């Protein structure tokens, strides 16, 4: 049972230390109230509303990826990763971009290009090797990591 609305108020019972929250709902919650009013304890989650991308929009995206892949003679994961590289945003944790360095080999770059569980966005940087020789390696911003289900 999910509802949308606005947080209207919060009051405190200082004798019990418990709070009472009130909401103005956009949907009819009477049936949910009747079903749950006798429950001793409920799980309640409140979060900022975010419009979800529809399954139709997601399916259409993959149809377009597939069509582009056929025209460009590329695999779907490669087309998807290229789109993320060009238009995706780096993954930010604690205000900092997450990045990793991969070996400067064609095999490593191909593995990144066809990855489906993670997406990396290249950024060239000059790095100093262990022997103090300046080498150029490719760093990658982490654009997204697909959650695994156990």
Foldseek 3Di string as FASTA:
>chain_A
DDWDFAWDDKDADVVVRDIDTDTDTPDDCPVVCVVPVPDPDDDDDDDDDDDDDDPVNVVVVQVVLVVVCVVVVHDSLLSVLVCCLVPFDFDDDPRDFDKDFDDQDPVRVVCQSNDDQWHWHWDKDWDQDPVRDIDITIMTTTRDGHDDDD
